[in-house]
Amino acid sequence: MNKKNDASDPIRIESEVATPLENELKIIDESDIGRIDRQYEALLKETQKQEKVTLETAATTEDKTTEDKRTKKRGWLSRIFGK
């Protein structure tokens, strides 16, 4: 049996699907590239802002947790030593 004519050959079928025809390829012009660049920059800035807020929130939460632990220790010591 000839492999080229075998319609059940998955490799041949997959390669035909994965390779678009020449006329199906999308042509990207320079205005699209500029628009995509602007969108990318905006998303990058937004991501950096969110990352900064997340780090600040984590630092604040860590400070509060440390403060709560100190308060609990002082409360425990004051119960023992009466201070």
N, C-alpha and C. Protein backbone atom coordinates (compact mmCIF):
# COMPACT_ATOMS: atom_id res chain seq x y z
N MET A 1 0.84 -1.18 0.00
CA MET A 1 0.00 0.00 0.00
C MET A 1 0.89 1.25 0.00
N ASN A 2 0.53 2.19 -0.81
CA ASN A 2 1.31 3.42 -0.94
C ASN A 2 0.96 4.37 0.21
N LYS A 3 1.98 4.83 0.96
CA LYS A 3 1.75 5.70 2.12
C LYS A 3 1.17 7.06 1.73
N LYS A 4 1.52 7.60 0.57
CA LYS A 4 1.02 8.92 0.17
C LYS A 4 -0.49 8.91 -0.03
N ASN A 5 -1.03 7.82 -0.47
CA ASN A 5 -2.46 7.76 -0.76
C ASN A 5 -3.27 7.20 0.41
N ASP A 6 -2.60 6.83 1.50
CA ASP A 6 -3.31 6.27 2.65
C ASP A 6 -3.95 7.41 3.44
N ALA A 7 -5.26 7.49 3.43
CA ALA A 7 -5.99 8.57 4.09
C ALA A 7 -5.99 8.42 5.61
N SER A 8 -5.67 7.24 6.11
CA SER A 8 -5.69 7.02 7.55
C SER A 8 -4.33 7.28 8.19
N ASP A 9 -3.35 7.72 7.43
CA ASP A 9 -2.02 8.00 7.96
C ASP A 9 -2.09 9.28 8.81
N PRO A 10 -1.98 9.17 10.16
CA PRO A 10 -2.15 10.35 11.03
C PRO A 10 -1.07 11.41 10.83
N ILE A 11 0.13 11.01 10.50
CA ILE A 11 1.20 12.00 10.31
C ILE A 11 0.92 12.86 9.08
N ARG A 12 0.49 12.26 8.01
CA ARG A 12 0.19 13.01 6.80
C ARG A 12 -1.00 13.94 7.05
N ILE A 13 -2.03 13.44 7.72
CA ILE A 13 -3.22 14.25 8.00
C ILE A 13 -2.84 15.42 8.90
N GLU A 14 -2.05 15.17 9.96
CA GLU A 14 -1.66 16.22 10.88
C GLU A 14 -0.82 17.28 10.19
N SER A 15 0.09 16.87 9.33
CA SER A 15 0.94 17.86 8.66
C SER A 15 0.13 18.71 7.70
N GLU A 16 -0.90 18.16 7.12
CA GLU A 16 -1.76 18.96 6.24
C GLU A 16 -2.56 19.98 7.04
N VAL A 17 -3.01 19.59 8.23
CA VAL A 17 -3.78 20.49 9.07
C VAL A 17 -2.88 21.58 9.65
N ALA A 18 -1.68 21.21 10.06
CA ALA A 18 -0.78 22.14 10.73
C ALA A 18 -0.17 23.17 9.78
N THR A 19 -0.14 22.89 8.51
CA THR A 19 0.46 23.81 7.55
C THR A 19 -0.65 24.55 6.80
N PRO A 20 -0.87 25.83 7.12
CA PRO A 20 -1.93 26.56 6.41
C PRO A 20 -1.54 26.83 4.96
N LEU A 21 -2.54 26.97 4.15
CA LEU A 21 -2.29 27.31 2.75
C LEU A 21 -1.74 28.72 2.66
N GLU A 22 -1.04 29.01 1.61
CA GLU A 22 -0.40 30.32 1.43
C GLU A 22 -1.42 31.45 1.50
N ASN A 23 -2.59 31.26 0.92
CA ASN A 23 -3.59 32.33 0.90
C ASN A 23 -4.30 32.48 2.25
N GLU A 24 -4.12 31.52 3.18
CA GLU A 24 -4.75 31.61 4.49
C GLU A 24 -3.88 32.33 5.50
N LEU A 25 -2.62 32.55 5.18
CA LEU A 25 -1.72 33.24 6.10
C LEU A 25 -2.14 34.69 6.26
N LYS A 26 -2.16 35.16 7.50
CA LYS A 26 -2.56 36.54 7.76
C LYS A 26 -1.36 37.44 7.56
N ILE A 27 -1.56 38.48 6.81
CA ILE A 27 -0.50 39.44 6.57
C ILE A 27 -0.63 40.54 7.61
N ILE A 28 0.43 40.74 8.39
CA ILE A 28 0.43 41.75 9.44
C ILE A 28 1.16 42.97 8.93
N ASP A 29 0.47 44.10 8.93
CA ASP A 29 1.14 45.32 8.49
C ASP A 29 1.71 46.08 9.70
N GLU A 30 2.43 47.15 9.44
CA GLU A 30 3.13 47.87 10.49
C GLU A 30 2.18 48.50 11.51
N SER A 31 0.99 48.91 11.10
CA SER A 31 0.05 49.51 12.05
C SER A 31 -0.42 48.47 13.06
N ASP A 32 -0.58 47.22 12.62
CA ASP A 32 -0.95 46.16 13.55
C ASP A 32 0.17 45.91 14.56
N ILE A 33 1.40 45.96 14.09
CA ILE A 33 2.55 45.74 14.98
C ILE A 33 2.61 46.85 16.02
N GLY A 34 2.39 48.09 15.60
CA GLY A 34 2.39 49.20 16.54
C GLY A 34 1.28 49.07 17.58
N ARG A 35 0.11 48.67 17.13
CA ARG A 35 -1.02 48.48 18.04
C ARG A 35 -0.72 47.36 19.03
N ILE A 36 -0.16 46.28 18.55
CA ILE A 36 0.19 45.16 19.42
C ILE A 36 1.25 45.59 20.43
N ASP A 37 2.23 46.38 19.98
CA ASP A 37 3.26 46.89 20.90
C ASP A 37 2.64 47.76 21.99
N ARG A 38 1.71 48.62 21.63
CA ARG A 38 1.06 49.48 22.62
C ARG A 38 0.26 48.65 23.62
N GLN A 39 -0.46 47.65 23.12
CA GLN A 39 -1.22 46.77 24.02
C GLN A 39 -0.28 46.03 24.97
N TYR A 40 0.83 45.56 24.43
CA TYR A 40 1.80 44.84 25.25
C TYR A 40 2.36 45.76 26.34
N GLU A 41 2.73 46.97 25.98
CA GLU A 41 3.27 47.93 26.95
C GLU A 41 2.25 48.23 28.04
N ALA A 42 0.98 48.42 27.65
CA ALA A 42 -0.07 48.70 28.63
C ALA A 42 -0.25 47.52 29.58
N LEU A 43 -0.26 46.32 29.04
CA LEU A 43 -0.40 45.13 29.88
C LEU A 43 0.81 44.96 30.80
N LEU A 44 1.99 45.26 30.29
CA LEU A 44 3.20 45.16 31.09
C LEU A 44 3.16 46.14 32.26
N LYS A 45 2.75 47.39 31.99
CA LYS A 45 2.65 48.39 33.06
C LYS A 45 1.62 47.97 34.11
N GLU A 46 0.48 47.47 33.66
CA GLU A 46 -0.57 47.03 34.58
C GLU A 46 -0.07 45.86 35.44
N THR A 47 0.63 44.95 34.83
CA THR A 47 1.18 43.81 35.56
C THR A 47 2.19 44.27 36.60
N GLN A 48 3.03 45.23 36.23
CA GLN A 48 4.02 45.76 37.18
C GLN A 48 3.34 46.47 38.35
N LYS A 49 2.26 47.22 38.07
CA LYS A 49 1.51 47.88 39.14
C LYS A 49 0.92 46.85 40.09
N GLN A 50 0.31 45.81 39.53
CA GLN A 50 -0.30 44.77 40.36
C GLN A 50 0.75 44.05 41.20
N GLU A 51 1.91 43.81 40.61
CA GLU A 51 3.00 43.16 41.33
C GLU A 51 3.46 44.03 42.50
N LYS A 52 3.57 45.34 42.26
CA LYS A 52 3.99 46.27 43.31
C LYS A 52 2.97 46.28 44.45
N VAL A 53 1.69 46.34 44.11
CA VAL A 53 0.64 46.34 45.13
C VAL A 53 0.68 45.03 45.92
N THR A 54 0.88 43.93 45.22
CA THR A 54 0.94 42.63 45.89
C THR A 54 2.10 42.58 46.87
N LEU A 55 3.26 43.07 46.45
CA LEU A 55 4.42 43.08 47.34
C LEU A 55 4.20 43.99 48.54
N GLU A 56 3.59 45.16 48.31
CA GLU A 56 3.30 46.08 49.42
C GLU A 56 2.31 45.46 50.39
N THR A 57 1.29 44.80 49.86
CA THR A 57 0.29 44.15 50.71
C THR A 57 0.94 43.04 51.53
N ALA A 58 1.80 42.26 50.89
CA ALA A 58 2.49 41.18 51.60
C ALA A 58 3.37 41.74 52.71
N ALA A 59 4.07 42.83 52.44
CA ALA A 59 4.95 43.44 53.45
C ALA A 59 4.13 43.98 54.61
N THR A 60 3.00 44.62 54.32
CA THR A 60 2.13 45.15 55.36
C THR A 60 1.57 44.02 56.21
N THR A 61 1.15 42.96 55.56
CA THR A 61 0.60 41.81 56.27
C THR A 61 1.66 41.18 57.16
N GLU A 62 2.88 41.08 56.65
CA GLU A 62 3.98 40.50 57.43
C GLU A 62 4.29 41.37 58.64
N ASP A 63 4.30 42.70 58.46
CA ASP A 63 4.54 43.61 59.58
C ASP A 63 3.46 43.46 60.64
N LYS A 64 2.22 43.36 60.21
CA LYS A 64 1.10 43.23 61.14
C LYS A 64 1.19 41.92 61.90
N THR A 65 1.55 40.85 61.20
CA THR A 65 1.68 39.55 61.85
C THR A 65 2.79 39.58 62.89
N THR A 66 3.91 40.20 62.55
CA THR A 66 5.03 40.32 63.49
C THR A 66 4.61 41.13 64.70
N GLU A 67 3.87 42.21 64.47
CA GLU A 67 3.40 43.06 65.56
C GLU A 67 2.45 42.28 66.46
N ASP A 68 1.55 41.49 65.87
CA ASP A 68 0.63 40.67 66.66
C ASP A 68 1.39 39.67 67.52
N LYS A 69 2.44 39.08 66.98
CA LYS A 69 3.24 38.12 67.74
C LYS A 69 3.92 38.80 68.92
N ARG A 70 4.45 40.02 68.70
CA ARG A 70 5.10 40.76 69.79
C ARG A 70 4.08 41.08 70.88
N THR A 71 2.89 41.50 70.49
CA THR A 71 1.85 41.84 71.45
C THR A 71 1.48 40.61 72.27
N LYS A 72 1.36 39.47 71.62
CA LYS A 72 1.03 38.24 72.34
C LYS A 72 2.14 37.87 73.31
N LYS A 73 3.40 38.04 72.90
CA LYS A 73 4.52 37.72 73.79
C LYS A 73 4.50 38.64 75.00
N ARG A 74 4.27 39.94 74.77
CA ARG A 74 4.23 40.88 75.88
C ARG A 74 3.08 40.53 76.82
N GLY A 75 1.95 40.15 76.27
CA GLY A 75 0.82 39.76 77.10
C GLY A 75 1.13 38.54 77.94
N TRP A 76 1.82 37.59 77.35
CA TRP A 76 2.19 36.36 78.04
C TRP A 76 3.19 36.66 79.16
N LEU A 77 4.20 37.51 78.86
CA LEU A 77 5.20 37.86 79.87
C LEU A 77 4.58 38.67 81.00
N SER A 78 3.67 39.56 80.66
CA SER A 78 3.05 40.38 81.71
C SER A 78 2.19 39.53 82.63
N ARG A 79 1.60 38.48 82.12
CA ARG A 79 0.82 37.59 82.99
C ARG A 79 1.73 36.84 83.96
N ILE A 80 2.93 36.49 83.49
CA ILE A 80 3.85 35.75 84.36
C ILE A 80 4.53 36.68 85.36
N PHE A 81 5.05 37.79 84.87
CA PHE A 81 5.85 38.67 85.72
C PHE A 81 5.07 39.86 86.26
N GLY A 82 3.83 40.00 85.88
CA GLY A 82 2.99 41.06 86.39
C GLY A 82 3.36 42.45 85.90
N LYS A 83 3.95 42.53 84.71
CA LYS A 83 4.32 43.85 84.18
C LYS A 83 3.45 44.23 83.04
